[in-house]
Amino acid sequence: MGSSQVSSIPEGFISGTSIAALTCTDADSGTNGNCALSIQSGDDGSAKFTISGTTLQTTATATDYEALSSQNYIYSLVVIATDTATAGSDLTGTAYVYVTITGTNDNTPVISGTTPSSISVAENSAVGTTVASVQASDADDGNDGVLTYSIIGGNSEARFGIGTTTGEIYLTLALDYETTTSYSLTVQATDGGSPTDSATSAVTVTVTDVNDNTPACPSSTYIYSVAETVSSGTTVTTLACTDADGDSMTYTITSGNSEGCFSLTGAVLTTSCVLDYDTGSQSYTLAMDVSDGTTSSSVTVYVSLSAANDNNPAFASNPTVSLAESTSVGTAVTTYTAADADLSPHEVVSYVITAGTRKL
């Protein structure tokens, strides 16, 4: 019998697959020269191999490449040849058969989850920020068990990337909660086998809101005109400011309202005193602050009063004059003085006699 043989088979071969043809010779003639072959050692407890006649072959218990790493993926079988001489006088010979098991891509990748398991990322996170790491494994050894990662769905905006060897998901573009509040990504882990196997998993990334928008108003300056005769509580304007974060806003007059003639209820600016063009201010410059509690914007509202003819002229006196009948035509009789509390253009500009009586 030969001293040694070397064979190689892929893992998982079916029962009865021939591995090696063994040769056994005995110089004796007759029954003393017959050989019976058996495996003495080197197989494992579940008996992966058997000998049928002179053929070494597999049993119904499949070999597993990944289970053999500690023995370099080799079975070192010791085969005994025993002749069939009279019992008690049989002789034996020994040979070694080295069976190398090669790996096959017989295990599919498994994605077990992500770290963290619940993924939340603030909308103001910087590009390049690692969002999560995909946890995956493949029971195959060698290249068959080497995984590469990719995002194959839910990333139409290309806001996320993934490390092909690390499985780390990271930001490639800025996020905006006000546009998209979550992303459902499909992550794939592919092994290095031939052909390849892969596994996919859904990964949900929740975007959290940050107060990253300042209140915005259509204009920074507003100009209005109000009649001086309007009553207190009259609406001057309603400010149409917005906050892209959806935050509630507060409005405050910060200067220009020393007379207390204006007030704000929410975004509504109203009068809050009796206005008088003739004795008070004829215009107001109101500085206002619009705040969402964290950030704020400023606007200026110019309010001018329009004069109204709301005061009657009044004579200073009502004199009585006596004239001699010989008084010449054109002689000045008296001077009347009248005043009007209204300012231009409603002050006194003319006098006229509207009626009279004759007395002797």
Protein backbone atom coordinates (compact mmCIF):
# COMPACT_ATOMS: atom_id res chain seq x y z
CA MET A 1 0.00 0.00 0.00
CA GLY A 2 1.36 3.45 -0.85
CA SER A 3 2.72 5.56 1.89
CA SER A 4 0.58 8.69 1.25
CA GLN A 5 -1.95 10.33 -1.09
CA VAL A 6 -3.26 13.85 -1.41
CA SER A 7 -6.78 14.75 -2.51
CA SER A 8 -8.94 17.89 -2.52
CA ILE A 9 -12.71 18.25 -2.52
CA PRO A 10 -15.11 21.14 -1.95
CA GLU A 11 -17.05 21.18 1.27
CA GLY A 12 -20.50 19.65 1.40
CA PHE A 13 -20.00 16.98 -1.26
CA ILE A 14 -22.89 14.52 -1.48
CA SER A 15 -22.74 11.05 0.07
CA GLY A 16 -20.78 8.50 -1.94
CA THR A 17 -18.57 10.93 -3.77
CA SER A 18 -15.25 9.28 -4.63
CA ILE A 19 -12.22 11.02 -3.21
CA ALA A 20 -9.32 8.69 -3.97
CA ALA A 21 -8.65 5.25 -5.41
CA LEU A 22 -6.44 3.31 -3.01
CA THR A 23 -4.05 0.55 -4.07
CA CYS A 24 -3.19 -2.35 -1.79
CA THR A 25 -0.86 -5.26 -2.70
CA ASP A 26 0.32 -8.25 -0.72
CA ALA A 27 3.10 -10.55 -1.96
CA ASP A 28 1.37 -13.55 -0.41
CA SER A 29 -0.68 -15.77 -2.62
CA GLY A 30 -4.19 -16.96 -2.08
CA THR A 31 -6.30 -15.60 0.69
CA ASN A 32 -3.19 -14.45 2.50
CA GLY A 33 -2.69 -11.88 -0.21
CA ASN A 34 -6.15 -10.26 0.06
CA CYS A 35 -6.39 -6.73 1.56
CA ALA A 36 -9.17 -5.15 3.62
CA LEU A 37 -8.96 -1.34 3.99
CA SER A 38 -10.28 0.74 6.87
CA ILE A 39 -9.82 4.22 8.34
CA GLN A 40 -7.95 4.01 11.60
CA SER A 41 -7.84 7.68 12.55
CA GLY A 42 -8.00 11.27 11.26
CA ASP A 43 -11.73 11.36 10.63
CA ASP A 44 -13.96 13.13 13.13
CA GLY A 45 -16.61 11.69 15.37
CA SER A 46 -19.39 12.15 12.84
CA ALA A 47 -17.51 10.05 10.23
CA LYS A 48 -17.19 12.16 7.13
CA PHE A 49 -15.38 9.39 5.19
CA THR A 50 -15.64 5.69 4.49
CA ILE A 51 -13.87 3.15 2.30
CA SER A 52 -15.84 1.08 -0.15
CA GLY A 53 -13.54 -1.64 -1.51
CA THR A 54 -10.48 0.37 -2.44
CA THR A 55 -12.27 3.70 -2.90
CA LEU A 56 -12.21 6.45 -0.31
CA GLN A 57 -15.52 8.30 -0.44
CA THR A 58 -17.76 10.68 1.46
CA THR A 59 -20.54 9.65 3.80
CA ALA A 60 -23.94 11.23 4.32
CA THR A 61 -22.40 13.62 6.85
CA ALA A 62 -21.26 16.62 4.86
CA THR A 63 -17.92 18.27 5.42
CA ASP A 64 -17.87 21.90 6.56
CA TYR A 65 -14.95 24.10 5.52
CA GLU A 66 -15.57 26.68 8.24
CA ALA A 67 -15.34 24.04 10.99
CA LEU A 68 -11.81 23.04 9.93
CA SER A 69 -9.88 26.26 10.45
CA SER A 70 -8.03 24.81 13.48
CA GLN A 71 -6.64 21.96 11.35
CA ASN A 72 -5.88 24.07 8.28
CA TYR A 73 -8.90 22.66 6.47
CA ILE A 74 -7.22 19.25 6.08
CA TYR A 75 -8.23 15.75 7.17
CA SER A 76 -5.14 13.59 7.80
CA LEU A 77 -6.54 10.11 7.45
CA VAL A 78 -4.62 7.04 8.56
CA VAL A 79 -5.70 4.07 6.43
CA ILE A 80 -4.96 0.51 7.55
CA ALA A 81 -4.67 -2.40 5.11
CA THR A 82 -5.19 -5.81 6.74
CA ASP A 83 -4.63 -9.10 4.95
CA THR A 84 -7.01 -11.97 5.37
CA ALA A 85 -4.61 -14.58 6.76
CA THR A 86 -5.64 -16.98 9.46
CA ALA A 87 -7.00 -15.17 12.46
CA GLY A 88 -4.23 -14.11 14.75
CA SER A 89 -1.64 -14.11 12.02
CA ASP A 90 -3.03 -11.25 9.89
CA LEU A 91 -0.64 -8.51 8.92
CA THR A 92 -1.27 -4.80 8.36
CA GLY A 93 0.10 -1.93 6.36
CA THR A 94 -0.43 1.79 6.86
CA ALA A 95 -0.89 4.68 4.43
CA TYR A 96 -1.82 8.34 4.86
CA VAL A 97 -4.43 10.14 2.85
CA TYR A 98 -4.54 13.94 3.15
CA VAL A 99 -7.89 15.34 2.11
CA THR A 100 -7.99 19.11 1.73
CA ILE A 101 -11.47 20.64 2.00
CA THR A 102 -11.97 23.77 -0.07
CA GLY A 103 -14.55 26.40 0.80
CA THR A 104 -17.72 27.13 -1.12
CA ASN A 105 -19.99 30.13 -0.80
CA ASP A 106 -22.61 28.16 1.08
CA ASN A 107 -23.57 30.79 3.67
CA THR A 108 -25.66 33.85 2.94
CA PRO A 109 -24.80 37.17 4.64
CA VAL A 110 -26.97 38.10 7.61
CA ILE A 111 -27.72 41.71 8.59
CA SER A 112 -28.46 41.75 12.30
CA GLY A 113 -29.20 45.44 12.73
CA THR A 114 -27.53 48.80 13.20
CA THR A 115 -25.68 50.63 15.91
CA PRO A 116 -27.50 52.53 17.26
CA SER A 117 -30.62 50.46 16.69
CA SER A 118 -32.80 53.60 16.59
CA ILE A 119 -31.26 56.22 14.30
CA SER A 120 -31.92 59.92 14.83
CA VAL A 121 -29.85 62.74 13.39
CA ALA A 122 -30.24 66.49 13.88
CA GLU A 123 -30.98 68.42 10.72
CA ASN A 124 -27.96 70.67 11.27
CA SER A 125 -25.47 67.77 11.46
CA ALA A 126 -22.37 68.38 9.37
CA VAL A 127 -21.74 66.59 6.09
CA GLY A 128 -19.54 63.58 6.86
CA THR A 129 -21.23 62.84 10.19
CA THR A 130 -21.55 59.09 10.84
CA VAL A 131 -25.21 58.26 11.33
CA ALA A 132 -25.02 54.54 12.14
CA SER A 133 -23.08 51.34 11.51
CA VAL A 134 -24.67 48.32 9.84
CA GLN A 135 -24.03 45.05 11.67
CA ALA A 136 -23.69 42.08 9.32
CA SER A 137 -21.85 38.77 9.17
CA ASP A 138 -21.19 35.84 6.84
CA ALA A 139 -20.31 32.40 8.23
CA ASP A 140 -18.07 31.60 5.26
CA ASP A 141 -14.32 31.81 5.72
CA GLY A 142 -11.99 33.51 3.28
CA ASN A 143 -13.19 35.79 0.51
CA ASP A 144 -16.59 34.11 0.57
CA GLY A 145 -17.15 35.71 3.94
CA VAL A 146 -15.78 39.19 3.14
CA LEU A 147 -18.66 41.68 2.97
CA THR A 148 -19.09 44.89 1.04
CA TYR A 149 -21.88 47.35 1.78
CA SER A 150 -24.04 49.55 -0.41
CA ILE A 151 -27.24 51.58 -0.26
CA ILE A 152 -29.57 50.35 -3.00
CA GLY A 153 -32.82 52.17 -2.17
CA GLY A 154 -34.36 55.19 -0.47
CA ASN A 155 -31.42 57.44 -1.27
CA SER A 156 -32.65 59.22 -4.39
CA GLU A 157 -31.38 62.55 -3.05
CA ALA A 158 -27.94 60.97 -2.43
CA ARG A 159 -27.86 62.41 1.09
CA PHE A 160 -26.27 59.30 2.54
CA GLY A 161 -23.17 57.26 1.79
CA ILE A 162 -21.91 54.00 3.28
CA GLY A 163 -18.40 52.69 3.87
CA THR A 164 -18.05 49.74 1.51
CA THR A 165 -15.97 47.77 4.02
CA THR A 166 -17.07 49.33 7.32
CA GLY A 167 -20.84 49.53 6.88
CA GLU A 168 -20.84 53.04 8.38
CA ILE A 169 -23.67 55.21 7.07
CA TYR A 170 -22.71 58.89 6.84
CA LEU A 171 -24.09 62.18 5.53
CA THR A 172 -23.09 63.33 2.07
CA LEU A 173 -25.47 66.30 1.87
CA ALA A 174 -27.09 68.57 4.46
CA LEU A 175 -30.47 67.58 5.91
CA ASP A 176 -33.55 69.78 6.25
CA TYR A 177 -36.29 68.72 8.67
CA GLU A 178 -38.73 71.15 7.07
CA THR A 179 -38.33 69.30 3.75
CA THR A 180 -37.94 65.65 4.82
CA THR A 181 -38.40 64.26 8.34
CA SER A 182 -37.21 60.69 7.73
CA TYR A 183 -35.52 58.43 5.20
CA SER A 184 -36.11 54.71 4.64
CA LEU A 185 -32.88 53.33 3.23
CA THR A 186 -32.35 49.85 1.83
CA VAL A 187 -28.88 48.62 2.77
CA GLN A 188 -27.26 45.62 1.09
CA ALA A 189 -24.38 43.43 2.31
CA THR A 190 -22.74 41.37 -0.44
CA ASP A 191 -20.15 38.64 0.09
CA GLY A 192 -17.07 37.95 -2.02
CA GLY A 193 -18.12 34.55 -3.27
CA SER A 194 -18.58 33.46 -6.85
CA PRO A 195 -21.38 33.73 -7.49
CA THR A 196 -22.07 36.30 -4.77
CA ASP A 197 -24.76 36.13 -2.11
CA SER A 198 -26.31 39.18 -0.49
CA ALA A 199 -28.76 40.30 2.15
CA THR A 200 -30.77 43.50 2.42
CA SER A 201 -32.28 45.39 5.32
CA ALA A 202 -34.45 48.48 5.75
CA VAL A 203 -32.81 51.24 7.78
CA THR A 204 -34.91 54.20 8.93
CA VAL A 205 -33.14 57.48 9.63
CA THR A 206 -35.24 60.02 11.55
CA VAL A 207 -34.34 63.68 11.13
CA THR A 208 -34.84 65.79 14.27
CA ASP A 209 -35.85 69.43 14.14
CA VAL A 210 -33.47 72.23 15.05
CA ASN A 211 -34.37 75.91 15.30
CA ASP A 212 -32.19 76.82 12.36
CA ASN A 213 -34.44 79.35 10.62
CA THR A 214 -34.83 83.00 11.58
CA PRO A 215 -38.30 84.57 11.32
CA ALA A 216 -38.69 86.17 7.92
CA CYS A 217 -40.90 89.12 7.02
CA PRO A 218 -41.83 90.19 3.47
CA SER A 219 -40.03 93.48 4.02
CA SER A 220 -37.79 95.11 6.62
CA THR A 221 -39.56 98.47 6.22
CA TYR A 222 -43.27 99.33 6.14
CA ILE A 223 -44.91 102.73 5.54
CA TYR A 224 -48.52 103.50 6.51
CA SER A 225 -50.73 106.58 6.80
CA VAL A 226 -53.45 106.93 9.44
CA ALA A 227 -56.03 109.69 9.80
CA GLU A 228 -55.66 111.59 13.04
CA THR A 229 -59.36 111.10 13.71
CA VAL A 230 -59.29 107.28 13.97
CA SER A 231 -60.40 105.84 17.28
CA SER A 232 -58.12 104.02 19.68
CA GLY A 233 -57.89 100.37 18.76
CA THR A 234 -57.90 100.93 15.00
CA THR A 235 -55.79 98.38 13.11
CA VAL A 236 -52.82 99.89 11.31
CA THR A 237 -51.47 96.64 9.81
CA THR A 238 -50.98 92.93 10.38
CA LEU A 239 -47.39 91.79 9.96
CA ALA A 240 -47.16 88.70 7.74
CA CYS A 241 -43.93 87.20 9.06
CA THR A 242 -43.22 83.46 8.89
CA ASP A 243 -40.84 80.95 10.46
CA ALA A 244 -39.74 78.01 8.29
CA ASP A 245 -39.32 75.89 11.44
CA GLY A 246 -43.01 76.34 12.19
CA ASP A 247 -42.22 77.97 15.55
CA SER A 248 -44.67 80.45 17.07
CA MET A 249 -43.50 84.05 16.97
CA THR A 250 -43.80 87.00 19.35
CA TYR A 251 -43.88 90.63 18.24
CA THR A 252 -42.53 93.49 20.31
CA ILE A 253 -42.23 97.26 19.80
CA THR A 254 -38.70 98.03 20.94
CA SER A 255 -38.55 101.81 20.30
CA GLY A 256 -40.44 104.79 18.85
CA ASN A 257 -43.55 104.36 21.01
CA SER A 258 -42.76 106.68 23.90
CA GLU A 259 -46.24 108.23 23.71
CA GLY A 260 -47.82 104.79 23.98
CA CYS A 261 -49.96 105.40 20.92
CA PHE A 262 -49.49 101.93 19.43
CA SER A 263 -49.76 98.38 20.68
CA LEU A 264 -49.27 94.86 19.33
CA THR A 265 -51.61 91.94 19.77
CA GLY A 266 -49.76 89.10 18.12
CA ALA A 267 -48.87 90.43 14.69
CA VAL A 268 -51.64 93.07 14.67
CA LEU A 269 -50.50 96.67 15.17
CA THR A 270 -53.27 98.97 16.46
CA THR A 271 -53.60 102.53 17.75
CA SER A 272 -53.88 102.84 21.50
CA CYS A 273 -54.30 106.58 22.13
CA VAL A 274 -56.20 109.59 20.76
CA LEU A 275 -54.06 110.82 17.89
CA ASP A 276 -53.79 114.54 17.20
CA TYR A 277 -51.91 115.83 14.20
CA ASP A 278 -52.10 119.43 15.50
CA THR A 279 -50.83 118.99 19.06
CA GLY A 280 -49.00 115.65 19.04
CA SER A 281 -46.56 113.83 16.79
CA GLN A 282 -47.30 113.90 13.10
CA SER A 283 -45.35 110.72 12.40
CA TYR A 284 -43.94 107.72 14.27
CA THR A 285 -40.98 105.45 13.56
CA LEU A 286 -41.61 102.15 15.31
CA ALA A 287 -38.81 99.57 15.64
CA MET A 288 -40.16 96.06 16.11
CA ASP A 289 -38.65 92.70 16.99
CA VAL A 290 -40.04 89.37 15.67
CA SER A 291 -38.74 86.40 17.68
CA ASP A 292 -39.25 82.64 17.64
CA GLY A 293 -37.74 82.37 21.11
CA THR A 294 -34.22 81.72 19.89
CA THR A 295 -33.61 83.83 16.81
CA SER A 296 -35.20 87.13 15.80
CA SER A 297 -35.58 89.65 12.99
CA SER A 298 -36.17 93.40 13.09
CA VAL A 299 -38.58 95.49 11.08
CA THR A 300 -39.32 99.23 11.01
CA VAL A 301 -42.84 100.60 10.63
CA TYR A 302 -43.29 104.25 9.65
CA VAL A 303 -46.72 105.65 10.53
CA SER A 304 -47.63 109.15 9.37
CA LEU A 305 -50.79 110.98 10.45
CA SER A 306 -52.97 112.64 7.86
CA ALA A 307 -54.40 115.99 8.99
CA ALA A 308 -58.17 116.33 9.35
CA ASN A 309 -60.21 119.56 9.53
CA ASP A 310 -61.48 118.67 12.97
CA ASN A 311 -61.42 122.13 14.66
CA ASN A 312 -63.73 125.15 13.97
CA PRO A 313 -62.29 128.66 13.70
CA ALA A 314 -63.02 130.87 16.74
CA PHE A 315 -63.11 134.70 16.98
CA ALA A 316 -61.12 136.24 19.75
CA SER A 317 -63.90 138.82 20.40
CA ASN A 318 -67.19 140.16 19.01
CA PRO A 319 -66.80 143.95 19.20
CA THR A 320 -69.58 146.57 18.78
CA VAL A 321 -68.54 149.73 16.84
CA SER A 322 -70.27 153.14 16.37
CA LEU A 323 -69.62 155.21 13.27
CA ALA A 324 -70.40 158.83 12.48
CA GLU A 325 -72.68 159.16 9.52
CA SER A 326 -70.03 161.26 7.82
CA THR A 327 -67.45 158.48 7.91
CA SER A 328 -65.76 158.18 4.57
CA VAL A 329 -66.04 155.11 2.42
CA GLY A 330 -63.01 152.89 2.96
CA THR A 331 -62.55 153.90 6.56
CA ALA A 332 -61.41 150.93 8.72
CA VAL A 333 -64.16 150.16 11.14
CA THR A 334 -62.60 147.39 13.26
CA THR A 335 -60.33 144.35 13.02
CA TYR A 336 -61.58 140.84 13.66
CA THR A 337 -59.14 138.17 14.75
CA ALA A 338 -60.00 134.48 14.42
CA ALA A 339 -57.93 131.38 15.24
CA ASP A 340 -58.18 127.69 14.16
CA ALA A 341 -56.53 124.92 16.17
CA ASP A 342 -55.97 122.95 12.94
CA LEU A 343 -52.60 123.24 11.32
CA SER A 344 -52.03 123.64 7.61
CA PRO A 345 -53.84 123.11 5.38
CA HIS A 346 -56.85 123.67 7.61
CA GLU A 347 -55.86 126.92 9.37
CA VAL A 348 -57.84 130.25 8.90
CA VAL A 349 -57.15 131.73 5.46
CA SER A 350 -60.13 134.04 4.69
CA TYR A 351 -62.90 136.17 6.23
CA VAL A 352 -66.29 136.96 4.74
CA ILE A 353 -69.44 138.87 5.90
CA THR A 354 -72.29 136.43 5.57
CA ALA A 355 -75.18 138.55 7.00
CA GLY A 356 -75.99 141.89 8.72
CA THR A 357 -78.81 144.16 10.08
CA ARG A 358 -79.34 147.96 9.96
CA LYS A 359 -80.09 149.95 13.09
CA LEU A 360 -80.84 153.74 13.36
